[in-house]
Amino acid sequence: MALDILVVDDEADIRDLVAGVLEDEGYTARTAADSDSALAAIADRRPSLVLLDISLPGMDGVETLRHIRTNPALRHLPVKMRVSNTVRGTVEVVLDGIRVDEADT
């Protein structure tokens, strides 16, 4: 059975490109366009890995990571955050994501 990877990005072209490359490499890829959809997809079927864009509409990637890390059943779920060139935040936003993830270790 192929590893299941959830790709979370609000930009459809990036989301579809990453999912397509993963599928070409033999992985099962699911996608979500926002944090609410991502959390619902995780609740529906826990993925092996979440590739999470830091810049999402509404609840951003850092807050989504915080939701994942505070759920005891998901706190060890592997999450890799992606910082795109469209991030409208600052370096502090990236550091917040690191702090959330390191707080669990």
N, C-alpha and C. Protein backbone atom coordinates (compact mmCIF):
# COMPACT_ATOMS: atom_id res chain seq x y z
N MET A 1 0.84 -1.18 0.00
CA MET A 1 0.00 0.00 0.00
C MET A 1 0.88 1.25 0.00
N ALA A 2 0.58 2.18 -0.88
CA ALA A 2 1.37 3.40 -1.01
C ALA A 2 1.12 4.34 0.16
N LEU A 3 2.14 5.09 0.51
CA LEU A 3 1.98 6.09 1.55
C LEU A 3 0.99 7.15 1.08
N ASP A 4 0.16 7.61 2.00
CA ASP A 4 -0.88 8.59 1.73
C ASP A 4 -0.39 9.97 2.16
N ILE A 5 -0.28 10.90 1.22
CA ILE A 5 0.23 12.23 1.51
C ILE A 5 -0.86 13.25 1.22
N LEU A 6 -1.11 14.12 2.19
CA LEU A 6 -2.10 15.18 2.04
C LEU A 6 -1.37 16.47 1.69
N VAL A 7 -1.72 17.04 0.53
CA VAL A 7 -1.11 18.28 0.05
C VAL A 7 -2.11 19.40 0.30
N VAL A 8 -1.70 20.38 1.11
CA VAL A 8 -2.59 21.49 1.48
C VAL A 8 -2.01 22.78 0.92
N ASP A 9 -2.72 23.37 -0.03
CA ASP A 9 -2.29 24.63 -0.64
C ASP A 9 -3.51 25.30 -1.25
N ASP A 10 -3.63 26.60 -1.09
CA ASP A 10 -4.77 27.31 -1.64
C ASP A 10 -4.62 27.59 -3.13
N GLU A 11 -3.43 27.42 -3.67
CA GLU A 11 -3.21 27.62 -5.10
C GLU A 11 -3.38 26.28 -5.83
N ALA A 12 -4.45 26.19 -6.62
CA ALA A 12 -4.81 24.92 -7.27
C ALA A 12 -3.68 24.38 -8.15
N ASP A 13 -2.99 25.25 -8.88
CA ASP A 13 -1.94 24.76 -9.77
C ASP A 13 -0.79 24.13 -9.00
N ILE A 14 -0.41 24.73 -7.89
CA ILE A 14 0.66 24.15 -7.06
C ILE A 14 0.19 22.86 -6.42
N ARG A 15 -1.01 22.89 -5.86
CA ARG A 15 -1.59 21.71 -5.21
C ARG A 15 -1.64 20.53 -6.18
N ASP A 16 -2.14 20.77 -7.38
CA ASP A 16 -2.27 19.71 -8.37
C ASP A 16 -0.91 19.23 -8.89
N LEU A 17 0.03 20.16 -9.06
CA LEU A 17 1.36 19.80 -9.53
C LEU A 17 2.06 18.89 -8.52
N VAL A 18 2.05 19.29 -7.25
CA VAL A 18 2.71 18.50 -6.21
C VAL A 18 2.04 17.13 -6.10
N ALA A 19 0.72 17.11 -6.09
CA ALA A 19 0.00 15.82 -6.00
C ALA A 19 0.33 14.93 -7.20
N GLY A 20 0.40 15.52 -8.37
CA GLY A 20 0.73 14.74 -9.57
C GLY A 20 2.12 14.14 -9.52
N VAL A 21 3.09 14.91 -9.07
CA VAL A 21 4.46 14.40 -8.95
C VAL A 21 4.50 13.26 -7.94
N LEU A 22 3.82 13.44 -6.81
CA LEU A 22 3.79 12.39 -5.79
C LEU A 22 3.17 11.10 -6.34
N GLU A 23 2.06 11.25 -7.07
CA GLU A 23 1.41 10.07 -7.65
C GLU A 23 2.31 9.40 -8.69
N ASP A 24 3.03 10.20 -9.47
CA ASP A 24 3.97 9.64 -10.44
C ASP A 24 5.06 8.82 -9.75
N GLU A 25 5.39 9.19 -8.51
CA GLU A 25 6.41 8.49 -7.75
C GLU A 25 5.84 7.32 -6.94
N GLY A 26 4.54 7.05 -7.09
CA GLY A 26 3.95 5.88 -6.45
C GLY A 26 3.22 6.14 -5.14
N TYR A 27 3.12 7.41 -4.75
CA TYR A 27 2.40 7.73 -3.52
C TYR A 27 0.92 7.96 -3.81
N THR A 28 0.10 7.83 -2.79
CA THR A 28 -1.30 8.24 -2.90
C THR A 28 -1.35 9.68 -2.41
N ALA A 29 -1.88 10.57 -3.23
CA ALA A 29 -1.94 11.99 -2.87
C ALA A 29 -3.38 12.45 -2.80
N ARG A 30 -3.69 13.10 -1.70
CA ARG A 30 -4.97 13.78 -1.55
C ARG A 30 -4.68 15.26 -1.43
N THR A 31 -5.68 16.10 -1.70
CA THR A 31 -5.45 17.53 -1.66
C THR A 31 -6.53 18.23 -0.84
N ALA A 32 -6.14 19.39 -0.33
CA ALA A 32 -7.07 20.26 0.38
C ALA A 32 -6.68 21.70 0.06
N ALA A 33 -7.68 22.55 -0.12
CA ALA A 33 -7.44 23.93 -0.52
C ALA A 33 -7.35 24.90 0.66
N ASP A 34 -7.74 24.45 1.84
CA ASP A 34 -7.70 25.33 3.01
C ASP A 34 -7.60 24.50 4.28
N SER A 35 -7.45 25.18 5.39
CA SER A 35 -7.24 24.50 6.66
C SER A 35 -8.42 23.65 7.09
N ASP A 36 -9.63 24.18 6.92
CA ASP A 36 -10.81 23.41 7.31
C ASP A 36 -10.91 22.11 6.52
N SER A 37 -10.67 22.18 5.22
CA SER A 37 -10.70 20.97 4.39
C SER A 37 -9.58 20.01 4.78
N ALA A 38 -8.42 20.56 5.12
CA ALA A 38 -7.30 19.72 5.53
C ALA A 38 -7.61 18.98 6.82
N LEU A 39 -8.14 19.69 7.81
CA LEU A 39 -8.46 19.05 9.08
C LEU A 39 -9.55 18.00 8.91
N ALA A 40 -10.51 18.27 8.03
CA ALA A 40 -11.57 17.28 7.74
C ALA A 40 -10.97 16.05 7.06
N ALA A 41 -10.04 16.26 6.12
CA ALA A 41 -9.41 15.13 5.43
C ALA A 41 -8.58 14.29 6.39
N ILE A 42 -7.91 14.95 7.32
CA ILE A 42 -7.12 14.23 8.32
C ILE A 42 -8.03 13.41 9.23
N ALA A 43 -9.16 14.00 9.62
CA ALA A 43 -10.11 13.29 10.48
C ALA A 43 -10.73 12.11 9.75
N ASP A 44 -10.95 12.27 8.44
CA ASP A 44 -11.55 11.20 7.64
C ASP A 44 -10.61 10.01 7.50
N ARG A 45 -9.35 10.30 7.20
CA ARG A 45 -8.35 9.24 7.05
C ARG A 45 -6.98 9.86 7.32
N ARG A 46 -6.34 9.40 8.36
CA ARG A 46 -5.04 9.96 8.76
C ARG A 46 -4.00 9.68 7.68
N PRO A 47 -3.38 10.72 7.16
CA PRO A 47 -2.34 10.52 6.14
C PRO A 47 -1.02 10.11 6.78
N SER A 48 -0.11 9.67 5.94
CA SER A 48 1.24 9.35 6.40
C SER A 48 2.07 10.62 6.59
N LEU A 49 1.71 11.67 5.83
CA LEU A 49 2.44 12.93 5.84
C LEU A 49 1.51 14.03 5.37
N VAL A 50 1.67 15.23 5.95
CA VAL A 50 0.94 16.41 5.49
C VAL A 50 1.96 17.41 4.96
N LEU A 51 1.80 17.84 3.72
CA LEU A 51 2.59 18.93 3.15
C LEU A 51 1.71 20.16 3.24
N LEU A 52 2.07 21.10 4.09
CA LEU A 52 1.19 22.21 4.48
C LEU A 52 1.79 23.55 4.08
N ASP A 53 1.05 24.29 3.27
CA ASP A 53 1.47 25.65 2.90
C ASP A 53 1.29 26.54 4.12
N ILE A 54 2.25 27.38 4.39
CA ILE A 54 2.18 28.25 5.56
C ILE A 54 1.17 29.38 5.35
N SER A 55 0.95 29.75 4.08
CA SER A 55 0.07 30.87 3.77
C SER A 55 -1.24 30.35 3.19
N LEU A 56 -2.27 30.31 4.03
CA LEU A 56 -3.59 29.85 3.60
C LEU A 56 -4.62 30.91 3.97
N PRO A 57 -5.71 30.98 3.22
CA PRO A 57 -6.76 31.94 3.58
C PRO A 57 -7.46 31.50 4.87
N GLY A 58 -7.96 32.43 5.62
CA GLY A 58 -8.62 32.09 6.88
C GLY A 58 -7.59 31.65 7.89
N MET A 59 -7.73 30.43 8.38
CA MET A 59 -6.77 29.87 9.32
C MET A 59 -5.49 29.54 8.55
N ASP A 60 -4.39 30.17 8.90
CA ASP A 60 -3.15 29.94 8.15
C ASP A 60 -2.51 28.61 8.53
N GLY A 61 -1.41 28.30 7.87
CA GLY A 61 -0.74 27.02 8.10
C GLY A 61 -0.21 26.86 9.51
N VAL A 62 0.25 27.95 10.12
CA VAL A 62 0.76 27.87 11.49
C VAL A 62 -0.36 27.48 12.44
N GLU A 63 -1.51 28.11 12.30
CA GLU A 63 -2.65 27.79 13.17
C GLU A 63 -3.15 26.36 12.90
N THR A 64 -3.11 25.93 11.66
CA THR A 64 -3.48 24.56 11.33
C THR A 64 -2.53 23.58 12.00
N LEU A 65 -1.25 23.87 11.94
CA LEU A 65 -0.26 23.03 12.62
C LEU A 65 -0.53 23.01 14.13
N ARG A 66 -0.89 24.15 14.68
CA ARG A 66 -1.21 24.22 16.11
C ARG A 66 -2.39 23.30 16.44
N HIS A 67 -3.41 23.28 15.59
CA HIS A 67 -4.56 22.38 15.79
C HIS A 67 -4.13 20.92 15.75
N ILE A 68 -3.25 20.59 14.82
CA ILE A 68 -2.77 19.22 14.71
C ILE A 68 -1.96 18.84 15.94
N ARG A 69 -1.05 19.69 16.36
CA ARG A 69 -0.17 19.37 17.48
C ARG A 69 -0.90 19.32 18.82
N THR A 70 -2.01 20.01 18.96
CA THR A 70 -2.73 19.98 20.23
C THR A 70 -3.73 18.83 20.31
N ASN A 71 -3.89 18.08 19.22
CA ASN A 71 -4.76 16.91 19.22
C ASN A 71 -3.88 15.71 19.60
N PRO A 72 -4.13 15.10 20.77
CA PRO A 72 -3.26 13.99 21.21
C PRO A 72 -3.14 12.86 20.19
N ALA A 73 -4.18 12.60 19.43
CA ALA A 73 -4.14 11.51 18.45
C ALA A 73 -3.28 11.87 17.24
N LEU A 74 -3.03 13.16 17.03
CA LEU A 74 -2.31 13.60 15.83
C LEU A 74 -0.96 14.24 16.13
N ARG A 75 -0.60 14.38 17.38
CA ARG A 75 0.57 15.18 17.72
C ARG A 75 1.86 14.68 17.09
N HIS A 76 1.92 13.41 16.70
CA HIS A 76 3.13 12.88 16.06
C HIS A 76 2.97 12.70 14.55
N LEU A 77 1.88 13.22 14.00
CA LEU A 77 1.67 13.16 12.55
C LEU A 77 2.75 14.00 11.87
N PRO A 78 3.50 13.43 10.94
CA PRO A 78 4.53 14.21 10.25
C PRO A 78 3.91 15.32 9.40
N VAL A 79 4.38 16.54 9.63
CA VAL A 79 3.91 17.71 8.89
C VAL A 79 5.14 18.47 8.40
N LYS A 80 5.18 18.74 7.12
CA LYS A 80 6.24 19.56 6.54
C LYS A 80 5.58 20.81 5.99
N MET A 81 6.03 21.96 6.49
CA MET A 81 5.45 23.22 6.04
C MET A 81 6.22 23.76 4.85
N ARG A 82 5.48 24.34 3.93
CA ARG A 82 6.06 24.91 2.72
C ARG A 82 5.86 26.42 2.75
N VAL A 83 6.93 27.13 2.55
CA VAL A 83 6.87 28.58 2.48
C VAL A 83 7.00 28.95 1.01
N SER A 84 5.94 29.52 0.47
CA SER A 84 5.96 29.88 -0.95
C SER A 84 6.44 31.32 -1.12
N ASN A 85 6.72 31.67 -2.34
CA ASN A 85 7.14 33.04 -2.61
C ASN A 85 5.96 34.01 -2.54
N THR A 86 4.77 33.50 -2.28
CA THR A 86 3.61 34.37 -2.16
C THR A 86 3.26 34.67 -0.71
N VAL A 87 4.11 34.23 0.22
CA VAL A 87 3.83 34.49 1.63
C VAL A 87 3.79 35.99 1.86
N ARG A 88 2.70 36.44 2.46
CA ARG A 88 2.53 37.86 2.70
C ARG A 88 2.94 38.26 4.12
N GLY A 89 3.42 37.29 4.88
CA GLY A 89 3.81 37.56 6.25
C GLY A 89 5.26 37.96 6.35
N THR A 90 5.81 37.74 7.49
CA THR A 90 7.20 38.08 7.75
C THR A 90 7.95 36.83 8.17
N VAL A 91 9.21 37.00 8.44
CA VAL A 91 10.01 35.90 8.95
C VAL A 91 9.42 35.42 10.26
N GLU A 92 8.78 36.31 11.01
CA GLU A 92 8.18 35.94 12.29
C GLU A 92 7.10 34.88 12.10
N VAL A 93 6.36 34.91 11.00
CA VAL A 93 5.35 33.89 10.72
C VAL A 93 6.01 32.52 10.57
N VAL A 94 7.11 32.47 9.87
CA VAL A 94 7.83 31.22 9.69
C VAL A 94 8.36 30.72 11.04
N LEU A 95 8.90 31.63 11.82
CA LEU A 95 9.41 31.26 13.14
C LEU A 95 8.29 30.76 14.05
N ASP A 96 7.10 31.33 13.94
CA ASP A 96 5.96 30.84 14.72
C ASP A 96 5.67 29.38 14.40
N GLY A 97 5.72 29.03 13.12
CA GLY A 97 5.50 27.64 12.72
C GLY A 97 6.54 26.71 13.31
N ILE A 98 7.78 27.15 13.32
CA ILE A 98 8.85 26.34 13.90
C ILE A 98 8.62 26.18 15.40
N ARG A 99 8.24 27.26 16.07
CA ARG A 99 8.01 27.20 17.50
C ARG A 99 6.87 26.24 17.86
N VAL A 100 5.79 26.28 17.07
CA VAL A 100 4.66 25.38 17.32
C VAL A 100 5.11 23.94 17.19
N ASP A 101 5.86 23.63 16.16
CA ASP A 101 6.30 22.27 15.93
C ASP A 101 7.32 21.83 16.98
N GLU A 102 8.22 22.70 17.38
CA GLU A 102 9.23 22.34 18.37
C GLU A 102 8.65 22.22 19.77
N ALA A 103 7.54 22.89 20.05
CA ALA A 103 6.92 22.83 21.38
C ALA A 103 6.47 21.42 21.70
N ASP A 104 6.24 20.61 20.67
CA ASP A 104 5.76 19.26 20.87
C ASP A 104 6.88 18.26 21.15
N THR A 105 8.11 18.65 20.83
CA THR A 105 9.21 17.69 20.96
C THR A 105 9.86 17.73 22.31
